[in-house]
C-alpha cells in the first residue's frame, strides 16, 4: 500500500511543480501538494510534530514532518 501512496505523491508533486514552477517558498508547495493529495481522497496532514524518545522520556525538540500521508508515508519538501 505504501508503494501506491508513493506513486500518488510523485504524480501529484509533478503536477504541482509543472503548474507552479521553481523558486517559490516551501510552504506554497506544501499547501498545493496537500491539496492535490486530499483531492485523491488521501489523508494528508501537515507540520506533524515528531517527538524523540530518549531514555524513556519523550523530548519535544521541534521536529516537524512537512506532510504525513495516510499515517504511513513522510514527505519532506525542499524548494
PDB file of N, CA and C in Angstrom:
ATOM      1  N   UNK A   1       0.821  -1.198   0.000  1.00  0.00           N
ATOM      2  CA  UNK A   1       0.000   0.000   0.000  1.00  0.00           C
ATOM      3  C   UNK A   1       0.865   1.263   0.000  1.00  0.00           C
ATOM      4  N   UNK A   2       2.034   1.199   0.651  1.00  0.00           N
ATOM      5  CA  UNK A   2       2.920   2.359   0.682  1.00  0.00           C
ATOM      6  C   UNK A   2       3.424   2.721  -0.713  1.00  0.00           C
ATOM      7  N   UNK A   3       3.663   1.715  -1.555  1.00  0.00           N
ATOM      8  CA  UNK A   3       4.115   1.995  -2.925  1.00  0.00           C
ATOM      9  C   UNK A   3       3.037   2.713  -3.726  1.00  0.00           C
ATOM     10  N   UNK A   4       1.782   2.342  -3.512  1.00  0.00           N
ATOM     11  CA  UNK A   4       0.668   3.015  -4.188  1.00  0.00           C
ATOM     12  C   UNK A   4       0.584   4.476  -3.730  1.00  0.00           C
ATOM     13  N   UNK A   5       0.721   4.683  -2.431  1.00  0.00           N
ATOM     14  CA  UNK A   5       0.712   6.044  -1.889  1.00  0.00           C
ATOM     15  C   UNK A   5       1.869   6.850  -2.477  1.00  0.00           C
ATOM     16  N   UNK A   6       3.051   6.248  -2.524  1.00  0.00           N
ATOM     17  CA  UNK A   6       4.225   6.929  -3.081  1.00  0.00           C
ATOM     18  C   UNK A   6       3.986   7.330  -4.530  1.00  0.00           C
ATOM     19  N   UNK A   7       3.333   6.476  -5.294  1.00  0.00           N
ATOM     20  CA  UNK A   7       3.007   6.806  -6.680  1.00  0.00           C
ATOM     21  C   UNK A   7       2.095   8.015  -6.773  1.00  0.00           C
ATOM     22  N   UNK A   8       1.084   8.067  -5.908  1.00  0.00           N
ATOM     23  CA  UNK A   8       0.181   9.227  -5.875  1.00  0.00           C
ATOM     24  C   UNK A   8       0.951  10.497  -5.518  1.00  0.00           C
ATOM     25  N   UNK A   9       1.859  10.374  -4.560  1.00  0.00           N
ATOM     26  CA  UNK A   9       2.650  11.533  -4.140  1.00  0.00           C
ATOM     27  C   UNK A   9       3.521  12.028  -5.292  1.00  0.00           C
ATOM     28  N   UNK A  10       4.197  11.120  -5.963  1.00  0.00           N
ATOM     29  CA  UNK A  10       5.086  11.505  -7.068  1.00  0.00           C
ATOM     30  C   UNK A  10       4.312  12.179  -8.199  1.00  0.00           C
ATOM     31  N   UNK A  11       3.188  11.593  -8.582  1.00  0.00           N
ATOM     32  CA  UNK A  11       2.382  12.187  -9.661  1.00  0.00           C
ATOM     33  C   UNK A  11       1.848  13.563  -9.251  1.00  0.00           C
ATOM     34  N   UNK A  12       1.407  13.674  -8.007  1.00  0.00           N
ATOM     35  CA  UNK A  12       0.886  14.957  -7.522  1.00  0.00           C
ATOM     36  C   UNK A  12       1.988  16.005  -7.433  1.00  0.00           C
ATOM     37  N   UNK A  13       3.169  15.603  -6.980  1.00  0.00           N
ATOM     38  CA  UNK A  13       4.294  16.539  -6.896  1.00  0.00           C
ATOM     39  C   UNK A  13       4.681  17.034  -8.285  1.00  0.00           C
ATOM     40  N   UNK A  14       4.672  16.135  -9.253  1.00  0.00           N
ATOM     41  CA  UNK A  14       4.986  16.524 -10.630  1.00  0.00           C
ATOM     42  C   UNK A  14       3.949  17.528 -11.140  1.00  0.00           C
ATOM     43  N   UNK A  15       2.682  17.271 -10.840  1.00  0.00           N
ATOM     44  CA  UNK A  15       1.604  18.167 -11.266  1.00  0.00           C
ATOM     45  C   UNK A  15       1.788  19.561 -10.652  1.00  0.00           C
ATOM     46  N   UNK A  16       2.097  19.599  -9.363  1.00  0.00           N
ATOM     47  CA  UNK A  16       2.305  20.876  -8.675  1.00  0.00           C
ATOM     48  C   UNK A  16       3.508  21.607  -9.265  1.00  0.00           C
ATOM     49  N   UNK A  17       4.609  20.898  -9.461  1.00  0.00           N
ATOM     50  CA  UNK A  17       5.818  21.530 -10.000  1.00  0.00           C
ATOM     51  C   UNK A  17       5.584  22.054 -11.416  1.00  0.00           C
ATOM     52  N   UNK A  18       4.874  21.294 -12.221  1.00  0.00           N
ATOM     53  CA  UNK A  18       4.573  21.725 -13.587  1.00  0.00           C
ATOM     54  C   UNK A  18       3.722  22.994 -13.576  1.00  0.00           C
ATOM     55  N   UNK A  19       2.760  23.057 -12.667  1.00  0.00           N
ATOM     56  CA  UNK A  19       1.862  24.207 -12.606  1.00  0.00           C
ATOM     57  C   UNK A  19       2.528  25.445 -12.004  1.00  0.00           C
ATOM     58  N   UNK A  20       3.322  25.261 -10.958  1.00  0.00           N
ATOM     59  CA  UNK A  20       3.872  26.408 -10.228  1.00  0.00           C
ATOM     60  C   UNK A  20       5.306  26.761 -10.599  1.00  0.00           C
ATOM     61  N   UNK A  21       6.045  25.788 -11.124  1.00  0.00           N
ATOM     62  CA  UNK A  21       7.441  26.039 -11.446  1.00  0.00           C
ATOM     63  C   UNK A  21       8.310  26.058 -10.200  1.00  0.00           C
ATOM     64  N   UNK A  22       9.533  26.508 -10.371  1.00  0.00           N
ATOM     65  CA  UNK A  22      10.509  26.524  -9.278  1.00  0.00           C
ATOM     66  C   UNK A  22      10.593  27.905  -8.648  1.00  0.00           C
ATOM     67  N   UNK A  23      11.222  27.975  -7.476  1.00  0.00           N
ATOM     68  CA  UNK A  23      11.567  29.250  -6.881  1.00  0.00           C
ATOM     69  C   UNK A  23      10.612  29.812  -5.855  1.00  0.00           C
ATOM     70  N   UNK A  24       9.561  29.087  -5.514  1.00  0.00           N
ATOM     71  CA  UNK A  24       8.615  29.582  -4.512  1.00  0.00           C
ATOM     72  C   UNK A  24       9.004  29.072  -3.128  1.00  0.00           C
ATOM     73  N   UNK A  25       8.360  29.624  -2.117  1.00  0.00           N
ATOM     74  CA  UNK A  25       8.598  29.157  -0.758  1.00  0.00           C
ATOM     75  C   UNK A  25       8.088  27.730  -0.600  1.00  0.00           C
ATOM     76  N   UNK A  26       8.750  27.001   0.276  1.00  0.00           N
ATOM     77  CA  UNK A  26       8.372  25.617   0.551  1.00  0.00           C
ATOM     78  C   UNK A  26       6.905  25.516   0.984  1.00  0.00           C
ATOM     79  N   UNK A  27       6.433  26.497   1.730  1.00  0.00           N
ATOM     80  CA  UNK A  27       5.058  26.474   2.236  1.00  0.00           C
ATOM     81  C   UNK A  27       4.033  26.483   1.101  1.00  0.00           C
ATOM     82  N   UNK A  28       4.365  27.106  -0.013  1.00  0.00           N
ATOM     83  CA  UNK A  28       3.458  27.133  -1.169  1.00  0.00           C
ATOM     84  C   UNK A  28       3.329  25.731  -1.752  1.00  0.00           C
ATOM     85  N   UNK A  29       4.461  25.059  -1.940  1.00  0.00           N
ATOM     86  CA  UNK A  29       4.433  23.697  -2.474  1.00  0.00           C
ATOM     87  C   UNK A  29       3.741  22.748  -1.502  1.00  0.00           C
ATOM     88  N   UNK A  30       3.958  22.957  -0.213  1.00  0.00           N
ATOM     89  CA  UNK A  30       3.312  22.118   0.800  1.00  0.00           C
ATOM     90  C   UNK A  30       1.792  22.231   0.704  1.00  0.00           C
ATOM     91  N   UNK A  31       1.295  23.449   0.617  1.00  0.00           N
ATOM     92  CA  UNK A  31      -0.148  23.666   0.534  1.00  0.00           C
ATOM     93  C   UNK A  31      -0.726  23.073  -0.748  1.00  0.00           C
ATOM     94  N   UNK A  32      -0.046  23.283  -1.867  1.00  0.00           N
ATOM     95  CA  UNK A  32      -0.539  22.778  -3.153  1.00  0.00           C
ATOM     96  C   UNK A  32      -0.504  21.252  -3.197  1.00  0.00           C
ATOM     97  N   UNK A  33       0.584  20.652  -2.725  1.00  0.00           N
ATOM     98  CA  UNK A  33       0.692  19.194  -2.742  1.00  0.00           C
ATOM     99  C   UNK A  33      -0.332  18.567  -1.803  1.00  0.00           C
ATOM    100  N   UNK A  34      -0.509  19.156  -0.640  1.00  0.00           N
ATOM    101  CA  UNK A  34      -1.515  18.655   0.297  1.00  0.00           C
ATOM    102  C   UNK A  34      -2.900  18.712  -0.332  1.00  0.00           C
ATOM    103  N   UNK A  35      -3.194  19.795  -1.016  1.00  0.00           N
ATOM    104  CA  UNK A  35      -4.480  19.935  -1.708  1.00  0.00           C
ATOM    105  C   UNK A  35      -4.665  18.820  -2.739  1.00  0.00           C
ATOM    106  N   UNK A  36      -3.646  18.581  -3.552  1.00  0.00           N
ATOM    107  CA  UNK A  36      -3.730  17.531  -4.577  1.00  0.00           C
ATOM    108  C   UNK A  36      -3.940  16.148  -3.953  1.00  0.00           C
ATOM    109  N   UNK A  37      -3.231  15.863  -2.877  1.00  0.00           N
ATOM    110  CA  UNK A  37      -3.360  14.555  -2.226  1.00  0.00           C
ATOM    111  C   UNK A  37      -4.750  14.378  -1.622  1.00  0.00           C
ATOM    112  N   UNK A  38      -5.274  15.422  -1.033  1.00  0.00           N
ATOM    113  CA  UNK A  38      -6.625  15.353  -0.454  1.00  0.00           C
ATOM    114  C   UNK A  38      -7.680  15.203  -1.539  1.00  0.00           C
ATOM    115  N   UNK A  39      -7.457  15.812  -2.704  1.00  0.00           N
ATOM    116  CA  UNK A  39      -8.387  15.623  -3.825  1.00  0.00           C
ATOM    117  C   UNK A  39      -8.471  14.156  -4.227  1.00  0.00           C
ATOM    118  N   UNK A  40      -7.386  13.414  -4.013  1.00  0.00           N
ATOM    119  CA  UNK A  40      -7.356  11.985  -4.329  1.00  0.00           C
ATOM    120  C   UNK A  40      -7.979  11.139  -3.224  1.00  0.00           C
ATOM    121  N   UNK A  41      -8.438  11.796  -2.172  1.00  0.00           N
ATOM    122  CA  UNK A  41      -9.058  11.073  -1.066  1.00  0.00           C
ATOM    123  C   UNK A  41      -8.077  10.554  -0.031  1.00  0.00           C
ATOM    124  N   UNK A  42      -6.832  11.025  -0.105  1.00  0.00           N
ATOM    125  CA  UNK A  42      -5.819  10.588   0.850  1.00  0.00           C
ATOM    126  C   UNK A  42      -5.832  11.492   2.082  1.00  0.00           C
ATOM    127  N   UNK A  43      -5.498  10.918   3.222  1.00  0.00           N
ATOM    128  CA  UNK A  43      -5.342  11.702   4.436  1.00  0.00           C
ATOM    129  C   UNK A  43      -3.940  12.298   4.405  1.00  0.00           C
ATOM    130  N   UNK A  44      -3.868  13.614   4.334  1.00  0.00           N
ATOM    131  CA  UNK A  44      -2.581  14.311   4.273  1.00  0.00           C
ATOM    132  C   UNK A  44      -2.556  15.357   5.380  1.00  0.00           C
ATOM    133  N   UNK A  45      -1.675  15.145   6.356  1.00  0.00           N
ATOM    134  CA  UNK A  45      -1.532  16.061   7.480  1.00  0.00           C
ATOM    135  C   UNK A  45      -0.251  16.864   7.298  1.00  0.00           C
ATOM    136  N   UNK A  46      -0.286  18.135   7.673  1.00  0.00           N
ATOM    137  CA  UNK A  46       0.894  18.978   7.512  1.00  0.00           C
ATOM    138  C   UNK A  46       1.484  19.366   8.859  1.00  0.00           C
ATOM    139  N   UNK A  47       2.795  19.583   8.845  1.00  0.00           N
ATOM    140  CA  UNK A  47       3.536  20.048  10.018  1.00  0.00           C
ATOM    141  C   UNK A  47       3.236  19.203  11.258  1.00  0.00           C
ATOM    142  N   UNK A  48       3.361  17.897  11.093  1.00  0.00           N
ATOM    143  CA  UNK A  48       3.084  16.943  12.168  1.00  0.00           C
ATOM    144  C   UNK A  48       4.307  16.867  13.084  1.00  0.00           C
ATOM    145  N   UNK A  49       4.076  17.073  14.377  1.00  0.00           N
ATOM    146  CA  UNK A  49       5.168  17.001  15.352  1.00  0.00           C
ATOM    147  C   UNK A  49       5.680  15.571  15.448  1.00  0.00           C
ATOM    148  N   UNK A  50       6.990  15.429  15.480  1.00  0.00           N
ATOM    149  CA  UNK A  50       7.628  14.122  15.601  1.00  0.00           C
ATOM    150  C   UNK A  50       8.512  14.138  16.843  1.00  0.00           C
ATOM    151  N   UNK A  51       8.025  13.540  17.928  1.00  0.00           N
ATOM    152  CA  UNK A  51       8.814  13.553  19.157  1.00  0.00           C
ATOM    153  C   UNK A  51       9.994  12.592  19.081  1.00  0.00           C
ATOM    154  N   UNK A  52      10.965  12.857  19.900  1.00  0.00           N
ATOM    155  CA  UNK A  52      12.119  11.975  20.037  1.00  0.00           C
ATOM    156  C   UNK A  52      12.035  11.367  21.436  1.00  0.00           C
ATOM    157  N   UNK A  53      12.211  10.045  21.520  1.00  0.00           N
ATOM    158  CA  UNK A  53      12.212   9.384  22.823  1.00  0.00           C
ATOM    159  C   UNK A  53      13.654   9.038  23.172  1.00  0.00           C
ATOM    160  N   UNK A  54      14.074   9.517  24.322  1.00  0.00           N
ATOM    161  CA  UNK A  54      15.428   9.256  24.810  1.00  0.00           C
ATOM    162  C   UNK A  54      15.334   8.833  26.270  1.00  0.00           C
ATOM    163  N   UNK A  55      15.923   7.705  26.570  1.00  0.00           N
ATOM    164  CA  UNK A  55      15.968   7.207  27.942  1.00  0.00           C
ATOM    165  C   UNK A  55      14.568   7.122  28.543  1.00  0.00           C
ATOM    166  N   UNK A  56      13.604   6.735  27.698  1.00  0.00           N
ATOM    167  CA  UNK A  56      12.229   6.578  28.154  1.00  0.00           C
ATOM    168  C   UNK A  56      11.460   7.872  28.315  1.00  0.00           C
ATOM    169  N   UNK A  57      12.071   8.986  27.931  1.00  0.00           N
ATOM    170  CA  UNK A  57      11.419  10.286  28.068  1.00  0.00           C
ATOM    171  C   UNK A  57      11.138  10.846  26.683  1.00  0.00           C
ATOM    172  N   UNK A  58       9.936  11.342  26.507  1.00  0.00           N
ATOM    173  CA  UNK A  58       9.553  11.966  25.239  1.00  0.00           C
ATOM    174  C   UNK A  58      10.071  13.401  25.222  1.00  0.00           C
ATOM    175  N   UNK A  59      10.952  13.693  24.280  1.00  0.00           N
ATOM    176  CA  UNK A  59      11.527  15.028  24.144  1.00  0.00           C
ATOM    177  C   UNK A  59      10.805  15.784  23.033  1.00  0.00           C
ATOM    178  N   UNK A  60      10.292  16.925  23.340  1.00  0.00           N
ATOM    179  CA  UNK A  60       9.664  17.776  22.328  1.00  0.00           C
ATOM    180  C   UNK A  60      10.746  18.724  21.819  1.00  0.00           C
ATOM    181  N   UNK A  61      11.411  18.330  20.755  1.00  0.00           N
ATOM    182  CA  UNK A  61      12.562  19.095  20.274  1.00  0.00           C
ATOM    183  C   UNK A  61      12.294  19.842  18.972  1.00  0.00           C
ATOM    184  N   UNK A  62      11.060  19.878  18.555  1.00  0.00           N
ATOM    185  CA  UNK A  62      10.726  20.703  17.412  1.00  0.00           C
ATOM    186  C   UNK A  62      10.824  20.054  16.051  1.00  0.00           C
ATOM    187  N   UNK A  63      11.008  18.732  15.998  1.00  0.00           N
ATOM    188  CA  UNK A  63      10.986  18.077  14.692  1.00  0.00           C
ATOM    189  C   UNK A  63       9.574  18.116  14.128  1.00  0.00           C
ATOM    190  N   UNK A  64       9.455  18.478  12.859  1.00  0.00           N
ATOM    191  CA  UNK A  64       8.149  18.516  12.196  1.00  0.00           C
ATOM    192  C   UNK A  64       8.255  17.852  10.836  1.00  0.00           C
ATOM    193  N   UNK A  65       7.270  17.019  10.534  1.00  0.00           N
ATOM    194  CA  UNK A  65       7.168  16.413   9.208  1.00  0.00           C
ATOM    195  C   UNK A  65       6.417  17.389   8.324  1.00  0.00           C
ATOM    196  N   UNK A  66       6.905  17.638   7.111  1.00  0.00           N
ATOM    197  CA  UNK A  66       6.182  18.549   6.220  1.00  0.00           C
ATOM    198  C   UNK A  66       4.789  18.008   5.920  1.00  0.00           C
ATOM    199  N   UNK A  67       4.724  16.766   5.435  1.00  0.00           N
ATOM    200  CA  UNK A  67       3.431  16.134   5.145  1.00  0.00           C
ATOM    201  C   UNK A  67       3.514  14.668   5.557  1.00  0.00           C
ATOM    202  N   UNK A  68       2.486  14.188   6.233  1.00  0.00           N
ATOM    203  CA  UNK A  68       2.351  12.774   6.567  1.00  0.00           C
ATOM    204  C   UNK A  68       1.112  12.268   5.839  1.00  0.00           C
ATOM    205  N   UNK A  69       1.299  11.287   4.968  1.00  0.00           N
ATOM    206  CA  UNK A  69       0.211  10.792   4.124  1.00  0.00           C
ATOM    207  C   UNK A  69      -0.249   9.432   4.630  1.00  0.00           C
ATOM    208  N   UNK A  70      -1.550   9.351   4.911  1.00  0.00           N
ATOM    209  CA  UNK A  70      -2.173   8.099   5.351  1.00  0.00           C
ATOM    210  C   UNK A  70      -1.483   7.507   6.585  1.00  0.00           C
ATOM    211  N   UNK A  71      -0.869   8.367   7.390  1.00  0.00           N
ATOM    212  CA  UNK A  71      -0.158   7.936   8.602  1.00  0.00           C
ATOM    213  C   UNK A  71       0.946   6.921   8.313  1.00  0.00           C
ATOM    214  N   UNK A  72       1.410   6.874   7.044  1.00  0.00           N
ATOM    215  CA  UNK A  72       2.396   5.873   6.642  1.00  0.00           C
ATOM    216  C   UNK A  72       3.601   6.431   5.913  1.00  0.00           C
ATOM    217  N   UNK A  73       3.413   7.466   5.114  1.00  0.00           N
ATOM    218  CA  UNK A  73       4.486   7.960   4.248  1.00  0.00           C
ATOM    219  C   UNK A  73       4.807   9.410   4.608  1.00  0.00           C
ATOM    220  N   UNK A  74       6.087   9.662   4.869  1.00  0.00           N
ATOM    221  CA  UNK A  74       6.562  11.002   5.209  1.00  0.00           C
ATOM    222  C   UNK A  74       7.040  11.694   3.938  1.00  0.00           C
ATOM    223  N   UNK A  75       6.586  12.932   3.746  1.00  0.00           N
ATOM    224  CA  UNK A  75       7.041  13.754   2.624  1.00  0.00           C
ATOM    225  C   UNK A  75       7.800  14.938   3.213  1.00  0.00           C
ATOM    226  N   UNK A  76       9.065  15.043   2.881  1.00  0.00           N
ATOM    227  CA  UNK A  76       9.902  16.157   3.326  1.00  0.00           C
ATOM    228  C   UNK A  76      10.218  16.999   2.094  1.00  0.00           C
ATOM    229  N   UNK A  77       9.670  18.189   2.047  1.00  0.00           N
ATOM    230  CA  UNK A  77       9.799  19.049   0.873  1.00  0.00           C
ATOM    231  C   UNK A  77      11.079  19.874   0.913  1.00  0.00           C
ATOM    232  N   UNK A  78      11.602  20.148  -0.257  1.00  0.00           N
ATOM    233  CA  UNK A  78      12.732  21.059  -0.434  1.00  0.00           C
ATOM    234  C   UNK A  78      12.414  21.960  -1.618  1.00  0.00           C
ATOM    235  N   UNK A  79      12.724  23.237  -1.478  1.00  0.00           N
ATOM    236  CA  UNK A  79      12.480  24.140  -2.611  1.00  0.00           C
ATOM    237  C   UNK A  79      13.725  24.927  -2.939  1.00  0.00           C
TER     238      UNK A  79
END
